[in-house]
């Protein structure tokens, strides 16, 4: 069965940005399912008639259950510079989440310490003194509500493993469908309602910044928010 390609939201000689679908791998793993990286390499090879291997690199990642803006690098120079932007805080990352309880207060900052559990592939809030703990910071703002869920906009200030998922659960607002972090039930297909909505970062070669926005999945939960 042929993979459905993600929507391309920006492309130039150095960058390919796509709207990652919920449930699609970014990079291959032990499941053997085709990843966005492999699918887009094949697509570019066929579209452009390239005789050799297509170079695409991953300067950042999104979890499999998450949707939204994913940037791929088309050259090694772009890859190293984009990776540095993500690593050093040069990229502004804005997410939208549908959560099961309203945040209180409705706007603020979260600073926690997270430790990754390799056995369960989860991250947990711990004390700063705990071995392996890493500081996790984000800002959040309640921007909408439906009958059953609340729409929160989040800006990541650090990039820890499962950071948004763990910190929102820690304040009593688990993301819809995220059973690992306290949601009431799973979503069909195993995805969660966390979407990488916008990304602003310096272009790796040209002067200026790139502004990328990913449309929301065509999903009844997202569409139930009258504010979007």
N, C-alpha and C. Protein backbone atom coordinates (compact mmCIF):
# COMPACT_ATOMS: atom_id res chain seq x y z
N UNK A 1 0.85 -1.19 0.00
CA UNK A 1 0.00 0.00 0.00
C UNK A 1 0.88 1.24 0.00
N UNK A 2 0.61 2.16 -0.90
CA UNK A 2 1.42 3.36 -1.03
C UNK A 2 1.09 4.35 0.08
N UNK A 3 2.14 4.94 0.63
CA UNK A 3 1.97 5.92 1.69
C UNK A 3 1.33 7.19 1.16
N UNK A 4 0.41 7.76 1.93
CA UNK A 4 -0.15 9.06 1.59
C UNK A 4 0.86 10.12 1.99
N UNK A 5 1.28 10.94 1.03
CA UNK A 5 2.30 11.94 1.30
C UNK A 5 1.73 13.10 2.11
N UNK A 6 2.52 13.63 3.03
CA UNK A 6 2.07 14.82 3.77
C UNK A 6 2.03 16.03 2.86
N UNK A 7 1.20 17.00 3.22
CA UNK A 7 1.10 18.24 2.46
C UNK A 7 2.40 19.05 2.59
N UNK A 8 2.91 19.53 1.47
CA UNK A 8 4.08 20.41 1.48
C UNK A 8 3.61 21.84 1.75
N UNK A 9 4.17 22.48 2.77
CA UNK A 9 3.76 23.85 3.08
C UNK A 9 4.84 24.88 2.73
N UNK A 10 6.05 24.42 2.45
CA UNK A 10 7.11 25.32 1.97
C UNK A 10 8.21 24.48 1.37
N UNK A 11 8.76 24.97 0.26
CA UNK A 11 9.93 24.30 -0.32
C UNK A 11 10.78 25.32 -1.06
N UNK A 12 12.09 25.23 -0.84
CA UNK A 12 13.05 25.97 -1.65
C UNK A 12 14.27 25.06 -1.83
N UNK A 13 15.39 25.61 -2.26
CA UNK A 13 16.56 24.78 -2.54
C UNK A 13 17.20 24.18 -1.29
N UNK A 14 16.81 24.69 -0.13
CA UNK A 14 17.47 24.29 1.11
C UNK A 14 16.55 23.62 2.12
N UNK A 15 15.26 23.90 2.03
CA UNK A 15 14.30 23.46 3.05
C UNK A 15 13.07 22.83 2.40
N UNK A 16 12.57 21.79 3.03
CA UNK A 16 11.27 21.22 2.69
C UNK A 16 10.48 21.14 4.00
N UNK A 17 9.36 21.84 4.06
CA UNK A 17 8.51 21.82 5.26
C UNK A 17 7.18 21.17 4.91
N UNK A 18 6.74 20.23 5.74
CA UNK A 18 5.50 19.50 5.48
C UNK A 18 4.60 19.59 6.71
N UNK A 19 3.32 19.28 6.47
CA UNK A 19 2.34 19.18 7.56
C UNK A 19 2.23 17.70 7.93
N UNK A 20 2.91 17.32 8.99
CA UNK A 20 2.96 15.92 9.39
C UNK A 20 1.59 15.42 9.82
N UNK A 21 1.11 14.32 9.23
CA UNK A 21 -0.16 13.75 9.69
C UNK A 21 0.00 13.05 11.04
N UNK A 22 -1.05 13.03 11.80
CA UNK A 22 -1.08 12.27 13.05
C UNK A 22 -0.80 10.80 12.75
N UNK A 23 0.06 10.19 13.54
CA UNK A 23 0.30 8.76 13.42
C UNK A 23 1.38 8.35 12.46
N UNK A 24 1.95 9.29 11.70
CA UNK A 24 2.99 8.94 10.74
C UNK A 24 4.36 9.13 11.39
N UNK A 25 5.24 8.16 11.19
CA UNK A 25 6.60 8.25 11.71
C UNK A 25 7.37 9.36 11.01
N UNK A 26 8.22 10.03 11.74
CA UNK A 26 9.13 11.00 11.12
C UNK A 26 10.33 10.27 10.53
N UNK A 27 10.85 9.30 11.27
CA UNK A 27 12.02 8.53 10.86
C UNK A 27 11.74 7.06 11.12
N UNK A 28 12.32 6.19 10.30
CA UNK A 28 12.07 4.76 10.42
C UNK A 28 12.41 4.21 11.79
N UNK A 29 11.66 3.20 12.23
CA UNK A 29 11.95 2.54 13.50
C UNK A 29 11.73 1.04 13.35
N UNK A 30 11.69 0.33 14.47
CA UNK A 30 11.61 -1.13 14.44
C UNK A 30 10.27 -1.65 13.91
N UNK A 31 9.25 -0.78 13.82
CA UNK A 31 7.96 -1.23 13.28
C UNK A 31 8.04 -1.54 11.79
N UNK A 32 9.00 -0.90 11.10
CA UNK A 32 9.10 -1.08 9.66
C UNK A 32 8.12 -0.24 8.87
N UNK A 33 7.29 0.56 9.54
CA UNK A 33 6.35 1.44 8.84
C UNK A 33 7.13 2.52 8.10
N UNK A 34 6.62 2.90 6.92
CA UNK A 34 7.32 3.93 6.15
C UNK A 34 7.24 5.27 6.88
N UNK A 35 8.34 5.99 6.85
CA UNK A 35 8.43 7.27 7.53
C UNK A 35 8.27 8.42 6.54
N UNK A 36 8.05 9.61 7.10
CA UNK A 36 8.01 10.82 6.27
C UNK A 36 9.34 11.00 5.54
N UNK A 37 10.44 10.76 6.23
CA UNK A 37 11.76 10.93 5.62
C UNK A 37 11.90 10.05 4.38
N UNK A 38 11.54 8.78 4.49
CA UNK A 38 11.65 7.87 3.34
C UNK A 38 10.66 8.24 2.24
N UNK A 39 9.43 8.57 2.63
CA UNK A 39 8.40 8.89 1.64
C UNK A 39 8.77 10.15 0.85
N UNK A 40 9.30 11.16 1.52
CA UNK A 40 9.64 12.40 0.83
C UNK A 40 10.90 12.24 -0.02
N UNK A 41 11.82 11.41 0.39
CA UNK A 41 12.98 11.11 -0.46
C UNK A 41 12.52 10.46 -1.76
N UNK A 42 11.62 9.49 -1.65
CA UNK A 42 11.12 8.82 -2.84
C UNK A 42 10.35 9.79 -3.73
N UNK A 43 9.53 10.65 -3.11
CA UNK A 43 8.75 11.62 -3.87
C UNK A 43 9.65 12.58 -4.65
N UNK A 44 10.68 13.12 -4.00
CA UNK A 44 11.58 14.06 -4.67
C UNK A 44 12.35 13.37 -5.78
N UNK A 45 12.78 12.16 -5.52
CA UNK A 45 13.52 11.40 -6.54
C UNK A 45 12.67 11.20 -7.80
N UNK A 46 11.40 10.85 -7.61
CA UNK A 46 10.50 10.63 -8.75
C UNK A 46 10.10 11.95 -9.40
N UNK A 47 9.77 12.96 -8.60
CA UNK A 47 9.32 14.24 -9.15
C UNK A 47 10.41 14.93 -9.95
N UNK A 48 11.64 14.92 -9.42
CA UNK A 48 12.73 15.66 -10.05
C UNK A 48 13.60 14.80 -10.95
N UNK A 49 13.29 13.52 -11.04
CA UNK A 49 14.05 12.63 -11.91
C UNK A 49 15.51 12.50 -11.50
N UNK A 50 15.77 12.45 -10.22
CA UNK A 50 17.15 12.38 -9.73
C UNK A 50 17.68 10.95 -9.89
N UNK A 51 18.87 10.80 -10.49
CA UNK A 51 19.40 9.45 -10.71
C UNK A 51 19.98 8.81 -9.44
N UNK A 52 20.53 9.62 -8.54
CA UNK A 52 21.17 9.08 -7.34
C UNK A 52 20.31 9.19 -6.11
N UNK A 53 20.96 9.10 -4.97
CA UNK A 53 20.26 9.21 -3.69
C UNK A 53 19.86 10.66 -3.41
N UNK A 54 18.71 10.83 -2.82
CA UNK A 54 18.23 12.16 -2.43
C UNK A 54 18.64 12.42 -0.98
N UNK A 55 19.23 13.59 -0.75
CA UNK A 55 19.60 13.96 0.63
C UNK A 55 18.44 14.69 1.29
N UNK A 56 18.02 14.20 2.43
CA UNK A 56 17.09 14.90 3.31
C UNK A 56 17.54 14.62 4.74
N UNK A 57 17.63 15.68 5.54
CA UNK A 57 18.03 15.51 6.93
C UNK A 57 16.99 16.05 7.88
N UNK A 58 17.04 15.57 9.11
CA UNK A 58 16.07 15.95 10.14
C UNK A 58 16.73 16.83 11.19
N UNK A 59 16.48 18.14 11.16
CA UNK A 59 17.03 19.02 12.20
C UNK A 59 16.23 18.99 13.50
N UNK A 60 15.02 18.43 13.46
CA UNK A 60 14.19 18.30 14.66
C UNK A 60 13.21 17.16 14.43
N UNK A 61 12.39 16.85 15.41
CA UNK A 61 11.45 15.74 15.29
C UNK A 61 10.11 16.09 15.93
N UNK A 62 9.10 15.34 15.51
CA UNK A 62 7.80 15.37 16.17
C UNK A 62 7.45 13.94 16.56
N UNK A 63 6.83 13.76 17.72
CA UNK A 63 6.40 12.43 18.14
C UNK A 63 5.38 11.87 17.14
N UNK A 64 5.34 10.56 17.03
CA UNK A 64 4.43 9.91 16.09
C UNK A 64 2.97 10.32 16.29
N UNK A 65 2.45 10.44 17.51
CA UNK A 65 1.03 10.79 17.67
C UNK A 65 0.70 12.25 17.39
N UNK A 66 1.72 13.08 17.15
CA UNK A 66 1.55 14.53 17.01
C UNK A 66 1.48 14.90 15.53
N UNK A 67 0.76 15.99 15.22
CA UNK A 67 0.68 16.50 13.85
C UNK A 67 1.33 17.87 13.77
N UNK A 68 1.52 18.37 12.52
CA UNK A 68 1.94 19.75 12.36
C UNK A 68 3.23 19.96 11.61
N UNK A 69 3.79 21.17 11.76
CA UNK A 69 4.95 21.61 10.97
C UNK A 69 6.17 20.75 11.26
N UNK A 70 6.71 20.17 10.20
CA UNK A 70 7.96 19.41 10.27
C UNK A 70 8.89 19.93 9.18
N UNK A 71 10.11 20.29 9.56
CA UNK A 71 11.08 20.83 8.63
C UNK A 71 12.13 19.77 8.30
N UNK A 72 12.40 19.61 7.02
CA UNK A 72 13.46 18.73 6.54
C UNK A 72 14.49 19.58 5.81
N UNK A 73 15.76 19.22 5.95
CA UNK A 73 16.84 19.94 5.28
C UNK A 73 17.22 19.23 3.99
N UNK A 74 17.40 20.01 2.92
CA UNK A 74 17.72 19.43 1.61
C UNK A 74 19.22 19.43 1.32
N UNK A 75 20.01 20.07 2.17
CA UNK A 75 21.47 20.07 2.02
C UNK A 75 22.11 19.88 3.39
N UNK A 76 23.35 19.44 3.40
CA UNK A 76 24.05 19.24 4.67
C UNK A 76 24.30 20.56 5.38
N UNK A 77 24.55 21.63 4.61
CA UNK A 77 24.74 22.95 5.23
C UNK A 77 23.46 23.40 5.92
N UNK A 78 22.33 23.24 5.24
CA UNK A 78 21.05 23.61 5.84
C UNK A 78 20.78 22.78 7.08
N UNK A 79 21.10 21.50 7.03
CA UNK A 79 20.86 20.62 8.18
C UNK A 79 21.61 21.09 9.42
N UNK A 80 22.90 21.38 9.27
CA UNK A 80 23.68 21.79 10.43
C UNK A 80 23.21 23.12 10.99
N UNK A 81 22.84 24.06 10.11
CA UNK A 81 22.40 25.38 10.58
C UNK A 81 21.00 25.32 11.19
N UNK A 82 20.12 24.54 10.60
CA UNK A 82 18.78 24.39 11.18
C UNK A 82 18.85 23.68 12.53
N UNK A 83 19.66 22.64 12.61
CA UNK A 83 19.81 21.92 13.87
C UNK A 83 20.32 22.85 14.97
N UNK A 84 21.24 23.75 14.61
CA UNK A 84 21.76 24.71 15.58
C UNK A 84 20.66 25.67 16.04
N UNK A 85 19.79 26.08 15.11
CA UNK A 85 18.69 26.98 15.48
C UNK A 85 17.76 26.32 16.49
N UNK A 86 17.42 25.06 16.25
CA UNK A 86 16.55 24.34 17.19
C UNK A 86 17.26 24.11 18.52
N UNK A 87 18.52 23.77 18.46
CA UNK A 87 19.26 23.46 19.69
C UNK A 87 19.50 24.70 20.55
N UNK A 88 19.77 25.83 19.90
CA UNK A 88 20.18 27.04 20.62
C UNK A 88 19.04 28.02 20.89
N UNK A 89 17.81 27.62 20.59
CA UNK A 89 16.67 28.49 20.89
C UNK A 89 16.36 29.51 19.82
N UNK A 90 16.91 29.35 18.63
CA UNK A 90 16.64 30.30 17.56
C UNK A 90 15.33 30.06 16.84
N UNK A 91 14.68 28.95 17.12
CA UNK A 91 13.40 28.62 16.48
C UNK A 91 12.26 28.88 17.46
N UNK A 92 11.25 29.60 17.00
CA UNK A 92 10.05 29.83 17.82
C UNK A 92 9.02 28.75 17.47
N UNK A 93 8.67 27.94 18.46
CA UNK A 93 7.80 26.78 18.24
C UNK A 93 6.48 26.98 18.97
N UNK A 94 5.40 27.02 18.20
CA UNK A 94 4.08 27.27 18.76
C UNK A 94 3.19 26.06 18.49
N UNK A 95 2.61 25.51 19.54
CA UNK A 95 1.74 24.34 19.44
C UNK A 95 0.33 24.69 19.88
N UNK A 96 -0.63 23.94 19.35
CA UNK A 96 -2.00 23.98 19.85
C UNK A 96 -2.33 22.61 20.42
N UNK A 97 -3.02 22.61 21.55
CA UNK A 97 -3.43 21.36 22.18
C UNK A 97 -4.89 21.44 22.60
N UNK A 98 -5.63 20.36 22.37
CA UNK A 98 -6.98 20.21 22.91
C UNK A 98 -6.84 19.42 24.20
N UNK A 99 -7.20 20.05 25.33
CA UNK A 99 -6.98 19.42 26.63
C UNK A 99 -8.31 19.13 27.32
N UNK A 100 -8.25 18.24 28.33
CA UNK A 100 -9.47 17.73 28.96
C UNK A 100 -9.94 18.55 30.15
N UNK A 101 -9.19 19.56 30.53
CA UNK A 101 -9.59 20.45 31.63
C UNK A 101 -9.02 21.84 31.36
N UNK A 102 -9.68 22.89 31.81
CA UNK A 102 -9.17 24.24 31.56
C UNK A 102 -7.97 24.55 32.44
N UNK A 103 -6.93 25.16 31.88
CA UNK A 103 -5.78 25.54 32.71
C UNK A 103 -6.16 26.66 33.68
N UNK A 104 -5.62 26.57 34.88
CA UNK A 104 -5.89 27.57 35.91
C UNK A 104 -4.56 27.98 36.56
N UNK A 105 -4.13 29.24 36.32
CA UNK A 105 -4.82 30.31 35.61
C UNK A 105 -4.84 30.06 34.10
N UNK A 106 -5.66 30.83 33.36
CA UNK A 106 -5.80 30.58 31.92
C UNK A 106 -4.59 30.97 31.09
N UNK A 107 -3.64 31.65 31.67
CA UNK A 107 -2.44 32.06 30.94
C UNK A 107 -1.28 32.09 31.92
N UNK A 108 -0.10 31.65 31.47
CA UNK A 108 1.03 31.68 32.38
C UNK A 108 2.25 30.97 31.83
N UNK A 109 3.20 30.74 32.72
CA UNK A 109 4.46 30.06 32.41
C UNK A 109 4.57 28.82 33.27
N UNK A 110 5.17 27.78 32.70
CA UNK A 110 5.46 26.57 33.47
C UNK A 110 6.96 26.32 33.44
N UNK A 111 7.52 26.11 34.61
CA UNK A 111 8.92 25.69 34.73
C UNK A 111 8.94 24.44 35.61
N UNK A 112 9.35 23.35 35.03
CA UNK A 112 9.40 22.07 35.74
C UNK A 112 10.74 21.40 35.46
N UNK A 113 10.97 20.31 36.17
CA UNK A 113 12.13 19.46 35.90
C UNK A 113 11.61 18.10 35.47
N UNK A 114 12.11 17.62 34.33
CA UNK A 114 11.64 16.36 33.74
C UNK A 114 12.77 15.34 33.72
N UNK A 115 12.39 14.10 33.95
CA UNK A 115 13.33 12.99 33.80
C UNK A 115 12.71 11.93 32.90
N UNK A 116 13.45 11.50 31.92
CA UNK A 116 12.95 10.50 30.97
C UNK A 116 13.12 9.10 31.54
N UNK A 117 12.07 8.30 31.39
CA UNK A 117 12.10 6.89 31.74
C UNK A 117 12.27 6.10 30.45
N UNK A 118 13.46 5.56 30.24
CA UNK A 118 13.76 4.87 28.98
C UNK A 118 12.91 3.61 28.80
N UNK A 119 12.57 2.94 29.90
CA UNK A 119 11.82 1.69 29.80
C UNK A 119 10.40 1.91 29.29
N UNK A 120 9.77 2.99 29.73
CA UNK A 120 8.38 3.25 29.34
C UNK A 120 8.26 4.33 28.27
N UNK A 121 9.39 4.93 27.88
CA UNK A 121 9.40 6.04 26.91
C UNK A 121 8.44 7.14 27.33
N UNK A 122 8.54 7.54 28.59
CA UNK A 122 7.75 8.65 29.12
C UNK A 122 8.68 9.58 29.90
N UNK A 123 8.20 10.79 30.15
CA UNK A 123 8.94 11.73 30.98
C UNK A 123 8.08 12.11 32.18
N UNK A 124 8.71 12.31 33.31
CA UNK A 124 7.99 12.57 34.55
C UNK A 124 8.52 13.82 35.24
N UNK A 125 7.62 14.56 35.89
CA UNK A 125 8.03 15.71 36.67
C UNK A 125 8.70 15.24 37.95
N UNK A 126 9.91 15.77 38.19
CA UNK A 126 10.68 15.38 39.37
C UNK A 126 11.28 16.64 39.99
N UNK A 127 11.95 16.47 41.11
CA UNK A 127 12.65 17.59 41.73
C UNK A 127 13.92 17.93 40.98
N UNK A 128 14.35 19.17 41.09
CA UNK A 128 15.55 19.63 40.38
C UNK A 128 16.79 18.84 40.80
N UNK A 129 16.77 18.30 42.01
CA UNK A 129 17.94 17.59 42.52
C UNK A 129 18.04 16.15 42.01
N UNK A 130 17.00 15.66 41.35
CA UNK A 130 16.99 14.26 40.88
C UNK A 130 18.01 14.05 39.77
N UNK A 131 18.67 12.93 39.82
CA UNK A 131 19.65 12.58 38.80
C UNK A 131 18.96 12.46 37.44
N UNK A 132 19.54 13.09 36.43
CA UNK A 132 18.99 13.04 35.08
C UNK A 132 17.90 14.04 34.81
N UNK A 133 17.55 14.87 35.79
CA UNK A 133 16.48 15.86 35.60
C UNK A 133 16.95 17.00 34.70
N UNK A 134 16.06 17.44 33.82
CA UNK A 134 16.35 18.56 32.92
C UNK A 134 15.26 19.61 33.05
N UNK A 135 15.66 20.86 33.05
CA UNK A 135 14.70 21.95 33.17
C UNK A 135 13.84 22.04 31.92
N UNK A 136 12.54 22.23 32.10
CA UNK A 136 11.58 22.33 31.00
C UNK A 136 10.75 23.59 31.20
N UNK A 137 10.74 24.47 30.19
CA UNK A 137 10.03 25.74 30.30
C UNK A 137 9.13 25.95 29.09
N UNK A 138 7.93 26.44 29.33
CA UNK A 138 7.01 26.81 28.26
C UNK A 138 6.06 27.89 28.77
N UNK A 139 5.43 28.58 27.83
CA UNK A 139 4.33 29.48 28.18
C UNK A 139 3.06 28.93 27.56
N UNK A 140 1.92 29.24 28.15
CA UNK A 140 0.65 28.73 27.64
C UNK A 140 -0.42 29.81 27.75
N UNK A 141 -1.45 29.65 26.91
CA UNK A 141 -2.57 30.59 26.94
C UNK A 141 -3.82 29.88 26.46
N UNK A 142 -4.89 29.96 27.23
CA UNK A 142 -6.18 29.41 26.81
C UNK A 142 -6.76 30.31 25.72
N UNK A 143 -7.00 29.75 24.53
CA UNK A 143 -7.48 30.57 23.41
C UNK A 143 -8.84 30.13 22.88
N UNK A 144 -9.41 29.07 23.42
CA UNK A 144 -10.71 28.63 22.94
C UNK A 144 -11.30 27.53 23.79
N UNK A 145 -12.58 27.26 23.57
CA UNK A 145 -13.26 26.19 24.31
C UNK A 145 -14.42 25.67 23.48
N UNK A 146 -14.65 24.36 23.59
CA UNK A 146 -15.84 23.73 23.01
C UNK A 146 -16.65 23.17 24.17
N UNK A 147 -17.63 22.34 23.88
CA UNK A 147 -18.46 21.79 24.96
C UNK A 147 -17.68 20.86 25.87
N UNK A 148 -16.65 20.19 25.33
CA UNK A 148 -15.97 19.16 26.11
C UNK A 148 -14.47 19.40 26.30
N UNK A 149 -13.88 20.26 25.48
CA UNK A 149 -12.43 20.42 25.52
C UNK A 149 -12.04 21.90 25.49
N UNK A 150 -10.77 22.14 25.82
CA UNK A 150 -10.24 23.50 25.86
C UNK A 150 -9.03 23.58 24.94
N UNK A 151 -8.93 24.68 24.21
CA UNK A 151 -7.85 24.88 23.24
C UNK A 151 -6.78 25.77 23.87
N UNK A 152 -5.57 25.23 23.94
CA UNK A 152 -4.46 25.94 24.57
C UNK A 152 -3.34 26.15 23.54
N UNK A 153 -2.83 27.38 23.50
CA UNK A 153 -1.65 27.67 22.68
C UNK A 153 -0.42 27.64 23.57
N UNK A 154 0.62 26.96 23.09
CA UNK A 154 1.83 26.77 23.89
C UNK A 154 3.06 27.20 23.10
N UNK A 155 3.98 27.85 23.77
CA UNK A 155 5.26 28.23 23.18
C UNK A 155 6.37 27.51 23.94
N UNK A 156 7.09 26.67 23.23
CA UNK A 156 8.17 25.91 23.86
C UNK A 156 9.41 26.77 24.01
N UNK A 157 9.95 26.82 25.20
CA UNK A 157 11.20 27.54 25.45
C UNK A 157 12.37 26.58 25.62
N UNK A 158 12.07 25.32 25.85
CA UNK A 158 13.07 24.25 25.83
C UNK A 158 12.49 23.11 25.01
N UNK A 159 13.30 22.14 24.67
CA UNK A 159 12.83 21.05 23.82
C UNK A 159 13.06 19.69 24.44
N UNK A 160 12.43 19.43 25.56
CA UNK A 160 12.62 18.16 26.26
C UNK A 160 11.70 17.06 25.71
N UNK A 161 12.06 15.82 26.01
CA UNK A 161 11.29 14.66 25.59
C UNK A 161 9.87 14.74 26.16
N UNK A 162 8.87 14.68 25.28
CA UNK A 162 7.46 14.71 25.68
C UNK A 162 7.13 15.89 26.59
N UNK A 163 7.80 17.01 26.37
CA UNK A 163 7.69 18.12 27.32
C UNK A 163 6.27 18.64 27.49
N UNK A 164 5.61 18.99 26.38
CA UNK A 164 4.26 19.55 26.48
C UNK A 164 3.32 18.53 27.10
N UNK A 165 3.43 17.28 26.69
CA UNK A 165 2.54 16.24 27.17
C UNK A 165 2.68 16.07 28.68
N UNK A 166 3.92 16.05 29.17
CA UNK A 166 4.16 15.85 30.60
C UNK A 166 3.78 17.08 31.41
N UNK A 167 4.11 18.27 30.92
CA UNK A 167 3.82 19.47 31.70
C UNK A 167 2.33 19.79 31.75
N UNK A 168 1.61 19.56 30.65
CA UNK A 168 0.17 19.79 30.69
C UNK A 168 -0.51 18.79 31.61
N UNK A 169 -0.07 17.53 31.57
CA UNK A 169 -0.62 16.54 32.49
C UNK A 169 -0.31 16.92 33.93
N UNK A 170 0.88 17.47 34.15
CA UNK A 170 1.29 17.85 35.49
C UNK A 170 0.44 18.96 36.09
N UNK A 171 -0.17 19.79 35.23
CA UNK A 171 -1.04 20.85 35.76
C UNK A 171 -2.51 20.45 35.70
N UNK A 172 -2.76 19.14 35.47
CA UNK A 172 -4.13 18.64 35.49
C UNK A 172 -4.89 18.83 34.21
N UNK A 173 -4.18 19.03 33.09
CA UNK A 173 -4.81 19.28 31.79
C UNK A 173 -4.26 18.32 30.74
N UNK A 174 -4.51 17.01 30.87
CA UNK A 174 -3.97 16.07 29.89
C UNK A 174 -4.53 16.34 28.49
N UNK A 175 -3.71 16.07 27.50
CA UNK A 175 -4.11 16.27 26.11
C UNK A 175 -5.05 15.16 25.69
N UNK A 176 -6.09 15.52 24.94
CA UNK A 176 -7.07 14.52 24.49
C UNK A 176 -6.37 13.38 23.75
N UNK A 177 -6.70 12.16 24.17
CA UNK A 177 -6.16 10.97 23.52
C UNK A 177 -4.84 10.48 24.07
N UNK A 178 -4.21 11.25 24.96
CA UNK A 178 -2.86 10.91 25.42
C UNK A 178 -2.91 10.03 26.67
N UNK A 179 -3.19 8.75 26.45
CA UNK A 179 -3.31 7.80 27.56
C UNK A 179 -2.05 7.73 28.41
N UNK A 180 -0.88 7.88 27.79
CA UNK A 180 0.38 7.82 28.53
C UNK A 180 0.44 8.88 29.63
N UNK A 181 -0.27 9.97 29.42
CA UNK A 181 -0.19 11.09 30.34
C UNK A 181 -1.55 11.46 30.92
N UNK A 182 -2.41 10.46 31.13
CA UNK A 182 -3.59 10.66 31.94
C UNK A 182 -4.88 11.00 31.23
N UNK A 183 -4.92 10.93 29.90
CA UNK A 183 -6.18 11.19 29.20
C UNK A 183 -7.20 10.10 29.54
N UNK A 184 -8.48 10.45 29.43
CA UNK A 184 -9.55 9.51 29.80
C UNK A 184 -9.61 8.31 28.87
N UNK A 185 -9.38 8.54 27.59
CA UNK A 185 -9.43 7.45 26.62
C UNK A 185 -8.54 7.79 25.44
N UNK A 186 -8.22 6.77 24.66
CA UNK A 186 -7.37 6.97 23.49
C UNK A 186 -8.19 7.47 22.31
N UNK A 187 -7.50 8.00 21.30
CA UNK A 187 -8.14 8.39 20.05
C UNK A 187 -8.07 7.24 19.06
N UNK A 188 -9.02 7.15 18.13
CA UNK A 188 -8.91 6.17 17.06
C UNK A 188 -7.60 6.39 16.29
N UNK A 189 -6.87 5.32 16.07
CA UNK A 189 -5.60 5.44 15.36
C UNK A 189 -4.42 5.76 16.24
N UNK A 190 -4.67 6.04 17.52
CA UNK A 190 -3.57 6.24 18.45
C UNK A 190 -2.96 7.62 18.50
N UNK A 191 -3.49 8.58 17.76
CA UNK A 191 -2.95 9.93 17.79
C UNK A 191 -3.40 10.70 19.02
N UNK A 192 -2.83 11.87 19.20
CA UNK A 192 -3.27 12.76 20.27
C UNK A 192 -3.54 14.15 19.67
N UNK A 193 -4.28 14.96 20.41
CA UNK A 193 -4.65 16.28 19.89
C UNK A 193 -3.62 17.33 20.30
N UNK A 194 -2.43 17.13 19.77
CA UNK A 194 -1.33 18.10 19.90
C UNK A 194 -0.81 18.38 18.51
N UNK A 195 -0.79 19.67 18.13
CA UNK A 195 -0.49 20.07 16.76
C UNK A 195 0.58 21.16 16.76
N UNK A 196 1.66 20.91 16.03
CA UNK A 196 2.71 21.93 15.86
C UNK A 196 2.19 22.97 14.87
N UNK A 197 1.60 24.02 15.40
CA UNK A 197 0.84 24.97 14.58
C UNK A 197 1.72 25.91 13.77
N UNK A 198 2.70 26.54 14.44
CA UNK A 198 3.54 27.51 13.74
C UNK A 198 5.01 27.33 14.12
N UNK A 199 5.85 27.70 13.17
CA UNK A 199 7.29 27.63 13.39
C UNK A 199 7.92 28.83 12.70
N UNK A 200 8.71 29.58 13.45
CA UNK A 200 9.45 30.71 12.90
C UNK A 200 10.92 30.47 13.20
N UNK A 201 11.76 30.50 12.14
CA UNK A 201 13.17 30.26 12.36
C UNK A 201 14.00 30.96 11.29
N UNK A 202 15.27 31.25 11.58
CA UNK A 202 16.12 31.88 10.57
C UNK A 202 16.32 30.95 9.38
N UNK A 203 16.28 31.53 8.17
CA UNK A 203 16.59 30.71 7.00
C UNK A 203 18.06 30.29 7.09
N UNK A 204 18.37 29.04 6.79
CA UNK A 204 19.74 28.57 6.97
C UNK A 204 20.76 29.16 6.00
N UNK A 205 20.30 29.75 4.91
CA UNK A 205 21.22 30.28 3.90
C UNK A 205 20.95 31.75 3.60
N UNK A 206 19.70 32.08 3.36
CA UNK A 206 19.35 33.46 3.02
C UNK A 206 19.14 34.30 4.28
N UNK A 207 19.14 35.61 4.10
CA UNK A 207 18.83 36.50 5.21
C UNK A 207 17.33 36.45 5.51
N UNK A 208 16.99 36.71 6.76
CA UNK A 208 15.58 36.73 7.14
C UNK A 208 15.11 35.43 7.74
N UNK A 209 13.86 35.43 8.14
CA UNK A 209 13.25 34.28 8.80
C UNK A 209 12.19 33.63 7.92
N UNK A 210 11.88 32.39 8.21
CA UNK A 210 10.81 31.65 7.54
C UNK A 210 9.65 31.54 8.53
N UNK A 211 8.45 31.79 8.04
CA UNK A 211 7.24 31.69 8.87
C UNK A 211 6.39 30.56 8.31
N UNK A 212 6.23 29.51 9.08
CA UNK A 212 5.52 28.31 8.62
C UNK A 212 4.30 28.06 9.49
N UNK A 213 3.16 27.79 8.84
CA UNK A 213 1.92 27.47 9.56
C UNK A 213 1.33 26.20 8.97
N UNK A 214 0.95 25.28 9.84
CA UNK A 214 0.36 24.01 9.41
C UNK A 214 -1.14 24.02 9.69
N UNK A 215 -1.98 23.83 8.65
CA UNK A 215 -3.42 23.71 8.89
C UNK A 215 -3.72 22.55 9.85
N UNK A 216 -4.79 22.70 10.61
CA UNK A 216 -5.19 21.65 11.53
C UNK A 216 -5.72 20.43 10.79
N UNK A 217 -5.59 19.24 11.36
CA UNK A 217 -6.20 18.06 10.75
C UNK A 217 -7.72 18.23 10.63
N UNK A 218 -8.33 17.62 9.61
CA UNK A 218 -9.79 17.71 9.44
C UNK A 218 -10.49 16.80 10.45
N UNK A 219 -10.58 17.28 11.65
CA UNK A 219 -10.99 16.45 12.78
C UNK A 219 -12.10 17.17 13.53
N UNK A 220 -13.11 16.43 13.98
CA UNK A 220 -14.27 17.03 14.63
C UNK A 220 -13.91 17.75 15.93
N UNK A 221 -12.91 17.27 16.64
CA UNK A 221 -12.53 17.92 17.90
C UNK A 221 -11.96 19.30 17.64
N UNK A 222 -11.07 19.41 16.67
CA UNK A 222 -10.53 20.73 16.31
C UNK A 222 -11.63 21.64 15.78
N UNK A 223 -12.47 21.09 14.92
CA UNK A 223 -13.50 21.90 14.27
C UNK A 223 -14.57 22.37 15.25
N UNK A 224 -14.64 21.75 16.42
CA UNK A 224 -15.65 22.14 17.41
C UNK A 224 -15.30 23.44 18.13
N UNK A 225 -14.05 23.89 17.98
CA UNK A 225 -13.68 25.16 18.60
C UNK A 225 -14.14 26.30 17.70
N UNK A 226 -15.10 27.12 18.14
CA UNK A 226 -15.61 28.19 17.28
C UNK A 226 -14.59 29.29 17.03
N UNK A 227 -13.52 29.32 17.81
CA UNK A 227 -12.54 30.39 17.71
C UNK A 227 -11.56 30.19 16.55
N UNK A 228 -11.56 29.01 15.90
CA UNK A 228 -10.58 28.75 14.84
C UNK A 228 -11.28 28.44 13.53
